Amino acid sequence: MLDRVDWRGESAGSYDDSKLYVTALMAAVARLRPGGLSNAVDPGWVPTRMGGPGAPDDLELGHRTQEWLASSDDPQALSTGGYWYHRERTQPHRSVHDEAFQERLLQRLAEETGISL
């Protein structure tokens, strides 16, 4: 899967793949840096230019989880490695927590950026 990625951005990749990669990166950071907080948020399909005017989710709810994670003293908000949707922890794609996949992603990112995690 990672071999098909155009890391230079000359051709568009899929939105689903990009969300998978960023969520797997979050899980890798949470695993490798347990003293910090690393979470991913699914804001929902909201009515933006990207989502379109017919998107069924609430635009207000789309950002409230991010605000809550960034500013709350709630013990849930102070957890790490979570995938959140409207302040509820949910399960991401199974590959997100696959450590071998995380390591392959980190290796490819290091090759492309020259920066290792």
Protein backbone atom coordinates (compact mmCIF):
# COMPACT_ATOMS: atom_id res chain seq x y z
CA MET A 1 0.00 0.00 0.00
CA LEU A 2 2.77 2.46 0.88
CA ASP A 3 4.63 1.64 -2.33
CA ARG A 4 1.84 3.19 -4.41
CA VAL A 5 2.01 6.57 -2.70
CA ASP A 6 3.25 9.50 -4.73
CA TRP A 7 5.22 11.15 -1.93
CA ARG A 8 6.13 14.08 -4.22
CA GLY A 9 2.48 15.06 -4.66
CA GLU A 10 2.49 14.98 -8.44
CA SER A 11 -0.65 12.84 -8.52
CA ALA A 12 -3.53 12.85 -6.11
CA GLY A 13 -3.87 9.99 -3.67
CA SER A 14 -7.10 8.86 -2.10
CA TYR A 15 -8.64 10.74 0.80
CA ASP A 16 -9.19 7.43 2.62
CA ASP A 17 -5.52 6.49 2.33
CA SER A 18 -4.37 9.89 3.56
CA LYS A 19 -6.64 9.60 6.63
CA LEU A 20 -5.28 6.10 7.28
CA TYR A 21 -1.68 7.33 7.12
CA VAL A 22 -2.21 10.32 9.39
CA THR A 23 -4.13 8.17 11.89
CA ALA A 24 -1.42 5.48 11.86
CA LEU A 25 1.17 8.23 12.39
CA MET A 26 -0.82 9.38 15.43
CA ALA A 27 -0.84 5.84 16.84
CA ALA A 28 2.91 5.48 16.24
CA VAL A 29 3.60 8.78 18.04
CA ALA A 30 1.39 7.68 20.94
CA ARG A 31 3.26 4.37 21.16
CA LEU A 32 6.76 5.78 20.80
CA ARG A 33 6.29 8.93 22.87
CA PRO A 34 4.14 7.81 25.82
CA GLY A 35 4.82 11.01 27.78
CA GLY A 36 2.96 13.13 25.23
CA LEU A 37 -0.56 13.18 23.90
CA SER A 38 -1.33 12.07 20.37
CA ASN A 39 -4.88 11.60 19.12
CA ALA A 40 -6.74 11.69 15.81
CA VAL A 41 -10.15 13.23 15.22
CA ASP A 42 -12.78 12.34 12.66
CA PRO A 43 -14.78 15.57 12.36
CA GLY A 44 -17.48 13.83 10.34
CA TRP A 45 -18.74 14.61 6.87
CA VAL A 46 -19.42 18.29 7.35
CA PRO A 47 -20.74 21.00 5.01
CA THR A 48 -17.52 22.68 3.91
CA ARG A 49 -16.13 23.37 0.44
CA MET A 50 -14.64 19.87 0.54
CA GLY A 51 -17.66 18.13 2.08
CA GLY A 52 -20.21 19.99 0.01
CA PRO A 53 -23.44 21.68 1.07
CA GLY A 54 -25.31 18.37 1.39
CA ALA A 55 -22.96 16.85 3.96
CA PRO A 56 -25.12 15.46 6.77
CA ASP A 57 -22.95 16.12 9.82
CA ASP A 58 -22.95 19.20 12.08
CA LEU A 59 -20.16 21.68 11.28
CA GLU A 60 -20.11 22.88 14.92
CA LEU A 61 -19.59 19.35 16.25
CA GLY A 62 -16.76 18.83 13.77
CA HIS A 63 -14.31 21.04 15.67
CA ARG A 64 -15.53 20.71 19.26
CA THR A 65 -13.70 17.43 19.80
CA GLN A 66 -10.44 19.04 18.71
CA GLU A 67 -10.98 21.96 21.10
CA TRP A 68 -11.86 19.57 23.94
CA LEU A 69 -8.76 17.42 23.40
CA ALA A 70 -6.53 20.51 23.26
CA SER A 71 -7.88 22.32 26.30
CA SER A 72 -9.75 20.01 28.67
CA ASP A 73 -8.56 18.56 31.96
CA ASP A 74 -11.06 15.72 31.53
CA PRO A 75 -9.17 12.43 32.07
CA GLN A 76 -10.50 11.12 28.73
CA ALA A 77 -9.12 14.17 26.92
CA LEU A 78 -5.75 13.58 28.59
CA SER A 79 -5.50 10.06 27.15
CA THR A 80 -3.36 9.24 24.13
CA GLY A 81 -3.65 7.04 21.08
CA GLY A 82 -7.36 7.65 20.62
CA TYR A 83 -9.45 8.01 17.50
CA TRP A 84 -12.28 10.39 18.32
CA TYR A 85 -15.63 11.25 16.74
CA HIS A 86 -17.80 13.84 18.52
CA ARG A 87 -15.97 13.34 21.85
CA GLU A 88 -16.47 9.57 21.68
CA ARG A 89 -13.49 7.28 21.33
CA THR A 90 -14.10 4.94 18.38
CA GLN A 91 -12.16 2.25 16.57
CA PRO A 92 -10.15 3.28 13.53
CA HIS A 93 -9.22 1.00 10.65
CA ARG A 94 -7.44 -2.11 11.98
CA SER A 95 -4.19 -1.18 10.22
CA VAL A 96 -3.83 1.89 12.45
CA HIS A 97 -2.74 -0.24 15.42
CA ASP A 98 -0.65 -2.66 13.34
CA GLU A 99 2.86 -1.86 14.60
CA ALA A 100 4.51 -3.37 11.52
CA PHE A 101 2.44 -1.03 9.31
CA GLN A 102 3.30 1.91 11.57
CA GLU A 103 7.00 1.09 11.26
CA ARG A 104 6.81 0.83 7.46
CA LEU A 105 5.03 4.19 7.36
CA LEU A 106 7.62 5.79 9.64
CA GLN A 107 10.43 4.40 7.49
CA ARG A 108 8.90 5.78 4.29
CA LEU A 109 8.30 9.16 5.91
CA ALA A 110 11.91 9.24 7.14
CA GLU A 111 13.15 8.40 3.64
CA GLU A 112 11.09 11.20 2.13
CA THR A 113 11.76 13.87 4.75
CA GLY A 114 15.16 12.94 6.19
CA ILE A 115 13.57 13.09 9.66
CA SER A 116 13.21 10.03 11.88
CA LEU A 117 10.72 9.85 14.70
